[in-house]
Structures are given as C-alpha cells and as structure tokens.
Amino acid sequence: MKQIDINIPLISAKYRELDATQRDLVDKARAMTRHSYAPYSKFHVGAAILLDNGEIITGSNQENVAYPSGICAERTAAFYAHSRYPEAKFKAIAIAARDTSGHEVATPISPCGACRQVLLEYEQLAGTDAQVLLAGAEDIYIIPSIHSLMPLAFVDFD
C-alpha cells in the first residue's frame, strides 16, 4: 500500500486584489444572494457564471417545502447559461452566500457535490478550465478549475 495525498490549488485573495472581471463576477454573485428564495434554511446563495461570449449569467438558490425540489444557485445559473447560450463555454464562476442572520458568510463556501458534478460536465464540455471564485466576507478563494474541486470526479470515459 502507499498513501497518495491530493492537494487542491487555492489562492486566498482580498477583493481589492482581484482583477476587474473577477470583481464583477463576485459583485454579481453577492447581489444574487438577495434574489434567493430560502424561507426554510435561511441560507442565501448567489452564483455568477462568465461565458466565453462575454455574457454573465446569474442564479440564486430556490427552495421548496417539498424538499428536495429546490435547486442550488450554481445549478440555476449553469442550466440557464447553457439553455440560453448552448454554444458558449464556461470561463469562470463566482459563488457567494449570506448566513441565517443575513450577513455575508465569513468563510467562503464551496458548491455541494451535485453542483460540482454539474459544473464539471460544463467545464469538460468547454474543453478548458473554468476558474472558481468562492467569496467570503474577508477572503475570496481562487481555484483554477472546477476539476480542482473534484480531483476524483466521476467523468465520462469515452
């Protein structure tokens, strides 16, 4: 037997250290937390996806009393982006959240497993890495790809 360590490349940055495109994505993701429908969890998530055609598609989590009928912000944005612009490729995604008290989360959150798998398929479809920006109140984590979030991901083996 041998131990294999898997590391995830991650940069922790301050908002002011982001470039203009990254700041715009984070701003849009943060704004989308105000559009979520989260009466049960009171946890509001927003996402913004940059496409290679320059469009930015946003989404927010939408809950339903008939759990698990709701959908996460990341999948809301991803499904809308691909249905609206099926030829466009995902370049980056920013994700932000507000906690149950309505404050921006102190530490960045990452997508759930279902969202990671969905986003990974769109990254694979694009044939190029899609940068991930996870926004917290103080720090923003910059991850080079969605695949970095799922190093042992289930992928379509042709």
N, C-alpha and C. Protein backbone atom coordinates (compact mmCIF):
# COMPACT_ATOMS: atom_id res chain seq x y z
N MET A 1 0.83 -1.18 0.00
CA MET A 1 0.00 0.00 0.00
C MET A 1 0.87 1.24 0.00
N LYS A 2 0.34 2.28 -0.59
CA LYS A 2 1.03 3.56 -0.50
C LYS A 2 -0.02 4.65 -0.33
N GLN A 3 0.35 5.64 0.41
CA GLN A 3 -0.54 6.78 0.63
C GLN A 3 -0.38 7.77 -0.51
N ILE A 4 -1.50 8.28 -0.98
CA ILE A 4 -1.48 9.30 -2.02
C ILE A 4 -2.17 10.53 -1.44
N ASP A 5 -1.48 11.64 -1.44
CA ASP A 5 -2.06 12.88 -0.96
C ASP A 5 -2.56 13.69 -2.15
N ILE A 6 -3.76 14.20 -2.02
CA ILE A 6 -4.34 15.02 -3.07
C ILE A 6 -4.45 16.43 -2.53
N ASN A 7 -3.88 17.38 -3.24
CA ASN A 7 -3.92 18.77 -2.83
C ASN A 7 -4.74 19.58 -3.82
N ILE A 8 -5.42 20.57 -3.32
CA ILE A 8 -6.21 21.46 -4.16
C ILE A 8 -5.51 22.81 -4.22
N PRO A 9 -5.15 23.25 -5.43
CA PRO A 9 -4.53 24.57 -5.54
C PRO A 9 -5.54 25.66 -5.23
N LEU A 10 -5.16 26.58 -4.37
CA LEU A 10 -6.09 27.61 -3.93
C LEU A 10 -5.31 28.86 -3.58
N ILE A 11 -5.80 29.99 -4.06
CA ILE A 11 -5.23 31.28 -3.68
C ILE A 11 -6.26 31.99 -2.83
N SER A 12 -5.85 32.52 -1.71
CA SER A 12 -6.74 33.33 -0.88
C SER A 12 -6.40 34.79 -1.16
N ALA A 13 -7.39 35.54 -1.63
CA ALA A 13 -7.17 36.93 -2.02
C ALA A 13 -8.17 37.85 -1.33
N LYS A 14 -7.82 39.10 -1.28
CA LYS A 14 -8.74 40.14 -0.84
C LYS A 14 -9.45 40.68 -2.08
N TYR A 15 -10.62 41.24 -1.90
CA TYR A 15 -11.41 41.77 -3.01
C TYR A 15 -10.59 42.74 -3.86
N ARG A 16 -9.83 43.61 -3.21
CA ARG A 16 -9.05 44.63 -3.93
C ARG A 16 -7.95 44.02 -4.79
N GLU A 17 -7.59 42.77 -4.52
CA GLU A 17 -6.55 42.09 -5.29
C GLU A 17 -7.08 41.42 -6.57
N LEU A 18 -8.38 41.36 -6.70
CA LEU A 18 -8.98 40.74 -7.88
C LEU A 18 -8.89 41.67 -9.08
N ASP A 19 -8.89 41.09 -10.27
CA ASP A 19 -8.95 41.94 -11.46
C ASP A 19 -10.40 42.38 -11.67
N ALA A 20 -10.63 43.26 -12.60
CA ALA A 20 -11.96 43.85 -12.81
C ALA A 20 -13.01 42.79 -13.14
N THR A 21 -12.66 41.81 -13.94
CA THR A 21 -13.61 40.75 -14.31
C THR A 21 -13.97 39.92 -13.09
N GLN A 22 -12.98 39.55 -12.29
CA GLN A 22 -13.24 38.77 -11.09
C GLN A 22 -14.11 39.55 -10.11
N ARG A 23 -13.82 40.85 -9.93
CA ARG A 23 -14.63 41.68 -9.02
C ARG A 23 -16.08 41.74 -9.51
N ASP A 24 -16.27 41.90 -10.81
CA ASP A 24 -17.61 41.96 -11.37
C ASP A 24 -18.37 40.66 -11.10
N LEU A 25 -17.72 39.53 -11.29
CA LEU A 25 -18.37 38.24 -11.01
C LEU A 25 -18.74 38.11 -9.54
N VAL A 26 -17.82 38.46 -8.66
CA VAL A 26 -18.09 38.38 -7.22
C VAL A 26 -19.23 39.33 -6.84
N ASP A 27 -19.21 40.54 -7.38
CA ASP A 27 -20.29 41.51 -7.10
C ASP A 27 -21.65 40.95 -7.52
N LYS A 28 -21.69 40.34 -8.69
CA LYS A 28 -22.95 39.79 -9.20
C LYS A 28 -23.41 38.59 -8.37
N ALA A 29 -22.48 37.75 -7.96
CA ALA A 29 -22.84 36.62 -7.10
C ALA A 29 -23.37 37.11 -5.76
N ARG A 30 -22.69 38.10 -5.19
CA ARG A 30 -23.15 38.65 -3.91
C ARG A 30 -24.54 39.27 -4.06
N ALA A 31 -24.76 39.98 -5.14
CA ALA A 31 -26.08 40.61 -5.37
C ALA A 31 -27.17 39.55 -5.50
N MET A 32 -26.84 38.43 -6.12
CA MET A 32 -27.83 37.38 -6.33
C MET A 32 -28.28 36.71 -5.04
N THR A 33 -27.49 36.84 -3.97
CA THR A 33 -27.94 36.27 -2.69
C THR A 33 -29.23 36.94 -2.24
N ARG A 34 -29.48 38.14 -2.71
CA ARG A 34 -30.71 38.87 -2.37
C ARG A 34 -31.91 38.39 -3.19
N HIS A 35 -31.66 37.57 -4.21
CA HIS A 35 -32.74 37.06 -5.05
C HIS A 35 -33.10 35.62 -4.73
N SER A 36 -32.42 35.04 -3.77
CA SER A 36 -32.70 33.64 -3.45
C SER A 36 -34.03 33.52 -2.71
N TYR A 37 -34.60 32.36 -2.81
CA TYR A 37 -35.83 32.04 -2.07
C TYR A 37 -35.44 30.93 -1.11
N ALA A 38 -35.17 31.31 0.14
CA ALA A 38 -34.68 30.36 1.12
C ALA A 38 -35.42 30.49 2.45
N PRO A 39 -36.76 30.33 2.43
CA PRO A 39 -37.53 30.52 3.66
C PRO A 39 -37.31 29.41 4.69
N TYR A 40 -36.75 28.28 4.29
CA TYR A 40 -36.60 27.15 5.21
C TYR A 40 -35.20 27.12 5.82
N SER A 41 -34.18 27.20 4.99
CA SER A 41 -32.80 27.15 5.50
C SER A 41 -32.31 28.53 5.94
N LYS A 42 -32.90 29.57 5.35
CA LYS A 42 -32.46 30.96 5.58
C LYS A 42 -31.00 31.16 5.16
N PHE A 43 -30.51 30.29 4.29
CA PHE A 43 -29.14 30.35 3.78
C PHE A 43 -29.23 30.75 2.31
N HIS A 44 -28.78 31.95 2.00
CA HIS A 44 -28.99 32.54 0.67
C HIS A 44 -27.69 32.49 -0.14
N VAL A 45 -27.76 31.86 -1.31
CA VAL A 45 -26.58 31.67 -2.14
C VAL A 45 -26.81 32.31 -3.50
N GLY A 46 -25.77 32.94 -4.02
CA GLY A 46 -25.82 33.52 -5.36
C GLY A 46 -24.62 33.04 -6.17
N ALA A 47 -24.82 32.93 -7.48
CA ALA A 47 -23.75 32.50 -8.37
C ALA A 47 -23.76 33.35 -9.62
N ALA A 48 -22.59 33.53 -10.21
CA ALA A 48 -22.44 34.26 -11.47
C ALA A 48 -21.44 33.52 -12.33
N ILE A 49 -21.85 33.20 -13.56
CA ILE A 49 -21.01 32.45 -14.49
C ILE A 49 -20.63 33.34 -15.66
N LEU A 50 -19.33 33.42 -15.93
CA LEU A 50 -18.83 34.13 -17.09
C LEU A 50 -18.69 33.16 -18.25
N LEU A 51 -19.30 33.50 -19.38
CA LEU A 51 -19.20 32.68 -20.58
C LEU A 51 -18.17 33.27 -21.53
N ASP A 52 -17.69 32.47 -22.45
CA ASP A 52 -16.67 32.95 -23.38
C ASP A 52 -17.20 33.96 -24.40
N ASN A 53 -18.51 34.15 -24.45
CA ASN A 53 -19.09 35.18 -25.32
C ASN A 53 -19.22 36.52 -24.60
N GLY A 54 -18.72 36.58 -23.35
CA GLY A 54 -18.75 37.81 -22.57
C GLY A 54 -19.98 37.96 -21.69
N GLU A 55 -20.97 37.11 -21.89
CA GLU A 55 -22.19 37.18 -21.07
C GLU A 55 -21.89 36.67 -19.66
N ILE A 56 -22.57 37.26 -18.68
CA ILE A 56 -22.52 36.78 -17.30
C ILE A 56 -23.94 36.38 -16.94
N ILE A 57 -24.10 35.12 -16.57
CA ILE A 57 -25.40 34.57 -16.20
C ILE A 57 -25.40 34.34 -14.69
N THR A 58 -26.46 34.78 -14.05
CA THR A 58 -26.53 34.67 -12.60
C THR A 58 -27.65 33.72 -12.18
N GLY A 59 -27.57 33.29 -10.94
CA GLY A 59 -28.60 32.43 -10.37
C GLY A 59 -28.56 32.50 -8.86
N SER A 60 -29.64 32.06 -8.25
CA SER A 60 -29.72 32.01 -6.79
C SER A 60 -30.42 30.72 -6.38
N ASN A 61 -30.21 30.32 -5.14
CA ASN A 61 -30.87 29.10 -4.69
C ASN A 61 -32.37 29.34 -4.53
N GLN A 62 -33.14 28.31 -4.82
CA GLN A 62 -34.59 28.37 -4.77
C GLN A 62 -35.08 27.13 -4.04
N GLU A 63 -35.60 27.34 -2.84
CA GLU A 63 -36.06 26.22 -2.01
C GLU A 63 -37.55 25.94 -2.25
N ASN A 64 -37.96 24.78 -1.76
CA ASN A 64 -39.36 24.40 -1.85
C ASN A 64 -39.66 23.52 -0.66
N VAL A 65 -40.86 23.66 -0.13
CA VAL A 65 -41.25 22.87 1.04
C VAL A 65 -41.22 21.38 0.71
N ALA A 66 -41.39 21.02 -0.53
CA ALA A 66 -41.32 19.62 -0.95
C ALA A 66 -39.85 19.26 -1.23
N TYR A 67 -39.03 19.33 -0.17
CA TYR A 67 -37.61 19.02 -0.30
C TYR A 67 -37.45 17.65 -0.91
N PRO A 68 -36.59 17.41 -1.86
CA PRO A 68 -35.53 18.23 -2.41
C PRO A 68 -35.88 18.90 -3.73
N SER A 69 -37.07 19.42 -3.85
CA SER A 69 -37.50 20.03 -5.11
C SER A 69 -36.79 21.34 -5.43
N GLY A 70 -36.11 21.93 -4.50
CA GLY A 70 -35.39 23.17 -4.75
C GLY A 70 -34.14 22.93 -5.58
N ILE A 71 -33.43 24.02 -5.83
CA ILE A 71 -32.20 23.92 -6.63
C ILE A 71 -31.19 24.95 -6.13
N CYS A 72 -29.94 24.57 -6.19
CA CYS A 72 -28.85 25.44 -5.75
C CYS A 72 -28.60 26.57 -6.75
N ALA A 73 -27.97 27.62 -6.27
CA ALA A 73 -27.65 28.78 -7.12
C ALA A 73 -26.76 28.40 -8.29
N GLU A 74 -25.79 27.54 -8.04
CA GLU A 74 -24.84 27.17 -9.08
C GLU A 74 -25.53 26.45 -10.24
N ARG A 75 -26.43 25.52 -9.91
CA ARG A 75 -27.15 24.80 -10.97
C ARG A 75 -28.18 25.69 -11.64
N THR A 76 -28.81 26.60 -10.89
CA THR A 76 -29.74 27.54 -11.51
C THR A 76 -29.02 28.33 -12.60
N ALA A 77 -27.84 28.86 -12.26
CA ALA A 77 -27.07 29.65 -13.23
C ALA A 77 -26.55 28.78 -14.37
N ALA A 78 -26.03 27.60 -14.05
CA ALA A 78 -25.45 26.73 -15.08
C ALA A 78 -26.50 26.28 -16.09
N PHE A 79 -27.65 25.85 -15.61
CA PHE A 79 -28.68 25.37 -16.52
C PHE A 79 -29.22 26.50 -17.39
N TYR A 80 -29.39 27.67 -16.80
CA TYR A 80 -29.87 28.80 -17.58
C TYR A 80 -28.82 29.23 -18.61
N ALA A 81 -27.57 29.26 -18.19
CA ALA A 81 -26.49 29.67 -19.10
C ALA A 81 -26.44 28.75 -20.32
N HIS A 82 -26.50 27.46 -20.08
CA HIS A 82 -26.39 26.54 -21.21
C HIS A 82 -27.66 26.51 -22.07
N SER A 83 -28.81 26.68 -21.45
CA SER A 83 -30.04 26.70 -22.25
C SER A 83 -30.14 27.99 -23.06
N ARG A 84 -29.63 29.07 -22.54
CA ARG A 84 -29.67 30.37 -23.25
C ARG A 84 -28.58 30.48 -24.30
N TYR A 85 -27.38 29.99 -23.98
CA TYR A 85 -26.22 30.08 -24.87
C TYR A 85 -25.56 28.70 -24.99
N PRO A 86 -26.18 27.76 -25.70
CA PRO A 86 -25.67 26.39 -25.74
C PRO A 86 -24.28 26.24 -26.35
N GLU A 87 -23.87 27.17 -27.16
CA GLU A 87 -22.54 27.08 -27.79
C GLU A 87 -21.45 27.74 -26.95
N ALA A 88 -21.83 28.53 -25.98
CA ALA A 88 -20.85 29.26 -25.16
C ALA A 88 -20.18 28.32 -24.16
N LYS A 89 -18.96 28.64 -23.84
CA LYS A 89 -18.19 27.85 -22.89
C LYS A 89 -18.07 28.60 -21.56
N PHE A 90 -18.12 27.85 -20.47
CA PHE A 90 -17.96 28.44 -19.15
C PHE A 90 -16.49 28.82 -18.96
N LYS A 91 -16.25 30.06 -18.53
CA LYS A 91 -14.88 30.52 -18.26
C LYS A 91 -14.60 30.64 -16.77
N ALA A 92 -15.62 31.05 -15.99
CA ALA A 92 -15.43 31.25 -14.55
C ALA A 92 -16.78 31.26 -13.86
N ILE A 93 -16.76 30.96 -12.57
CA ILE A 93 -17.96 31.05 -11.75
C ILE A 93 -17.58 31.65 -10.40
N ALA A 94 -18.42 32.56 -9.91
CA ALA A 94 -18.25 33.11 -8.56
C ALA A 94 -19.45 32.67 -7.74
N ILE A 95 -19.21 32.36 -6.47
CA ILE A 95 -20.26 31.91 -5.57
C ILE A 95 -20.14 32.68 -4.27
N ALA A 96 -21.27 33.19 -3.79
CA ALA A 96 -21.31 33.95 -2.54
C ALA A 96 -22.52 33.49 -1.72
N ALA A 97 -22.50 33.76 -0.43
CA ALA A 97 -23.62 33.34 0.42
C ALA A 97 -23.80 34.29 1.60
N ARG A 98 -25.05 34.34 2.06
CA ARG A 98 -25.41 35.03 3.30
C ARG A 98 -25.94 33.99 4.26
N ASP A 99 -25.56 34.10 5.53
CA ASP A 99 -25.97 33.12 6.53
C ASP A 99 -27.38 33.38 7.04
N THR A 100 -27.79 32.59 8.01
CA THR A 100 -29.16 32.67 8.52
C THR A 100 -29.48 34.00 9.18
N SER A 101 -28.45 34.76 9.56
CA SER A 101 -28.69 36.08 10.14
C SER A 101 -28.68 37.18 9.07
N GLY A 102 -28.43 36.79 7.82
CA GLY A 102 -28.45 37.76 6.73
C GLY A 102 -27.11 38.38 6.41
N HIS A 103 -26.06 37.96 7.12
CA HIS A 103 -24.72 38.50 6.89
C HIS A 103 -23.96 37.64 5.89
N GLU A 104 -23.08 38.29 5.14
CA GLU A 104 -22.24 37.53 4.23
C GLU A 104 -21.41 36.54 5.05
N VAL A 105 -21.29 35.32 4.54
CA VAL A 105 -20.54 34.31 5.28
C VAL A 105 -19.09 34.76 5.46
N ALA A 106 -18.55 34.49 6.63
CA ALA A 106 -17.17 34.90 6.91
C ALA A 106 -16.18 34.11 6.07
N THR A 107 -16.38 32.82 5.99
CA THR A 107 -15.50 31.93 5.23
C THR A 107 -16.21 31.50 3.96
N PRO A 108 -15.52 31.52 2.83
CA PRO A 108 -16.16 31.12 1.58
C PRO A 108 -16.73 29.70 1.66
N ILE A 109 -17.85 29.51 0.98
CA ILE A 109 -18.44 28.17 0.88
C ILE A 109 -18.13 27.61 -0.51
N SER A 110 -18.14 26.30 -0.61
CA SER A 110 -17.93 25.69 -1.92
C SER A 110 -19.21 24.97 -2.34
N PRO A 111 -19.33 24.69 -3.62
CA PRO A 111 -20.56 24.04 -4.12
C PRO A 111 -20.75 22.65 -3.52
N CYS A 112 -22.00 22.23 -3.44
CA CYS A 112 -22.32 20.88 -2.98
C CYS A 112 -21.85 19.88 -4.05
N GLY A 113 -21.89 18.62 -3.73
CA GLY A 113 -21.44 17.58 -4.66
C GLY A 113 -22.22 17.56 -5.96
N ALA A 114 -23.54 17.72 -5.89
CA ALA A 114 -24.35 17.72 -7.11
C ALA A 114 -23.95 18.88 -8.02
N CYS A 115 -23.75 20.05 -7.43
CA CYS A 115 -23.35 21.22 -8.23
C CYS A 115 -21.95 21.02 -8.81
N ARG A 116 -21.06 20.45 -8.02
CA ARG A 116 -19.70 20.20 -8.54
C ARG A 116 -19.75 19.30 -9.76
N GLN A 117 -20.56 18.25 -9.68
CA GLN A 117 -20.65 17.32 -10.80
C GLN A 117 -21.24 18.00 -12.04
N VAL A 118 -22.29 18.79 -11.86
CA VAL A 118 -22.90 19.51 -12.98
C VAL A 118 -21.90 20.49 -13.58
N LEU A 119 -21.27 21.28 -12.75
CA LEU A 119 -20.30 22.27 -13.24
C LEU A 119 -19.12 21.60 -13.94
N LEU A 120 -18.70 20.46 -13.41
CA LEU A 120 -17.59 19.73 -14.03
C LEU A 120 -17.94 19.31 -15.46
N GLU A 121 -19.17 18.87 -15.67
CA GLU A 121 -19.57 18.49 -17.03
C GLU A 121 -19.51 19.67 -17.98
N TYR A 122 -19.93 20.85 -17.52
CA TYR A 122 -19.85 22.03 -18.39
C TYR A 122 -18.40 22.43 -18.63
N GLU A 123 -17.55 22.25 -17.63
CA GLU A 123 -16.13 22.53 -17.83
C GLU A 123 -15.56 21.56 -18.87
N GLN A 124 -15.92 20.29 -18.76
CA GLN A 124 -15.45 19.30 -19.74
C GLN A 124 -15.99 19.62 -21.13
N LEU A 125 -17.23 20.03 -21.21
CA LEU A 125 -17.84 20.40 -22.48
C LEU A 125 -17.08 21.56 -23.12
N ALA A 126 -16.62 22.49 -22.29
CA ALA A 126 -15.86 23.64 -22.79
C ALA A 126 -14.47 23.23 -23.25
N GLY A 127 -13.94 22.16 -22.68
CA GLY A 127 -12.61 21.71 -23.05
C GLY A 127 -11.50 22.56 -22.48
N THR A 128 -11.84 23.37 -21.48
CA THR A 128 -10.86 24.24 -20.85
C THR A 128 -11.27 24.48 -19.40
N ASP A 129 -10.32 24.83 -18.57
CA ASP A 129 -10.61 25.08 -17.15
C ASP A 129 -11.52 26.29 -16.97
N ALA A 130 -12.41 26.19 -16.00
CA ALA A 130 -13.26 27.31 -15.59
C ALA A 130 -12.85 27.70 -14.16
N GLN A 131 -12.37 28.91 -14.01
CA GLN A 131 -11.92 29.38 -12.70
C GLN A 131 -13.10 29.47 -11.73
N VAL A 132 -12.83 29.17 -10.47
CA VAL A 132 -13.85 29.22 -9.42
C VAL A 132 -13.44 30.29 -8.40
N LEU A 133 -14.38 31.20 -8.10
CA LEU A 133 -14.16 32.23 -7.09
C LEU A 133 -15.18 32.00 -5.98
N LEU A 134 -14.70 31.68 -4.80
CA LEU A 134 -15.57 31.46 -3.65
C LEU A 134 -15.43 32.66 -2.73
N ALA A 135 -16.50 33.43 -2.59
CA ALA A 135 -16.42 34.71 -1.89
C ALA A 135 -16.92 34.62 -0.46
N GLY A 136 -16.07 35.04 0.46
CA GLY A 136 -16.44 35.22 1.85
C GLY A 136 -16.39 36.70 2.16
N ALA A 137 -16.73 37.08 3.36
CA ALA A 137 -16.74 38.49 3.73
C ALA A 137 -15.36 39.12 3.63
N GLU A 138 -14.34 38.39 4.03
CA GLU A 138 -12.97 38.93 4.02
C GLU A 138 -12.13 38.38 2.88
N ASP A 139 -12.16 37.08 2.72
CA ASP A 139 -11.30 36.42 1.75
C ASP A 139 -12.10 35.84 0.60
N ILE A 140 -11.45 35.77 -0.54
CA ILE A 140 -12.02 35.14 -1.72
C ILE A 140 -11.03 34.08 -2.15
N TYR A 141 -11.51 32.84 -2.24
CA TYR A 141 -10.66 31.75 -2.68
C TYR A 141 -10.74 31.66 -4.20
N ILE A 142 -9.58 31.59 -4.82
CA ILE A 142 -9.49 31.46 -6.27
C ILE A 142 -8.94 30.06 -6.55
N ILE A 143 -9.74 29.28 -7.25
CA ILE A 143 -9.39 27.90 -7.58
C ILE A 143 -9.32 27.81 -9.10
N PRO A 144 -8.27 27.21 -9.65
CA PRO A 144 -8.06 27.27 -11.10
C PRO A 144 -9.08 26.55 -11.97
N SER A 145 -9.80 25.60 -11.40
CA SER A 145 -10.75 24.85 -12.22
C SER A 145 -11.79 24.19 -11.34
N ILE A 146 -12.87 23.79 -11.97
CA ILE A 146 -13.90 23.03 -11.26
C ILE A 146 -13.36 21.65 -10.93
N HIS A 147 -12.58 21.09 -11.85
CA HIS A 147 -12.00 19.78 -11.60
C HIS A 147 -11.14 19.79 -10.34
N SER A 148 -10.52 20.92 -10.03
CA SER A 148 -9.72 21.02 -8.80
C SER A 148 -10.56 20.76 -7.56
N LEU A 149 -11.86 21.07 -7.63
CA LEU A 149 -12.76 20.81 -6.50
C LEU A 149 -13.14 19.34 -6.39
N MET A 150 -12.93 18.60 -7.48
CA MET A 150 -13.30 17.18 -7.51
C MET A 150 -12.18 16.35 -8.14
N PRO A 151 -11.05 16.23 -7.47
CA PRO A 151 -9.92 15.53 -8.09
C PRO A 151 -10.21 14.07 -8.41
N LEU A 152 -11.15 13.46 -7.73
CA LEU A 152 -11.51 12.06 -8.01
C LEU A 152 -12.92 12.00 -8.60
N ALA A 153 -13.22 12.92 -9.46
CA ALA A 153 -14.56 13.04 -10.03
C ALA A 153 -14.92 11.88 -10.93
N PHE A 154 -16.22 11.63 -10.99
CA PHE A 154 -16.75 10.67 -11.97
C PHE A 154 -16.82 11.41 -13.29
N VAL A 155 -16.14 10.90 -14.28
CA VAL A 155 -16.14 11.55 -15.60
C VAL A 155 -16.57 10.53 -16.65
N ASP A 156 -17.03 11.06 -17.77
CA ASP A 156 -17.45 10.21 -18.88
C ASP A 156 -16.21 9.67 -19.57
N PHE A 157 -16.05 8.38 -19.52
CA PHE A 157 -14.88 7.75 -20.14
C PHE A 157 -15.26 7.28 -21.53
N ASP A 158 -14.74 7.97 -22.53
CA ASP A 158 -15.04 7.59 -23.92
C ASP A 158 -14.21 6.41 -24.36
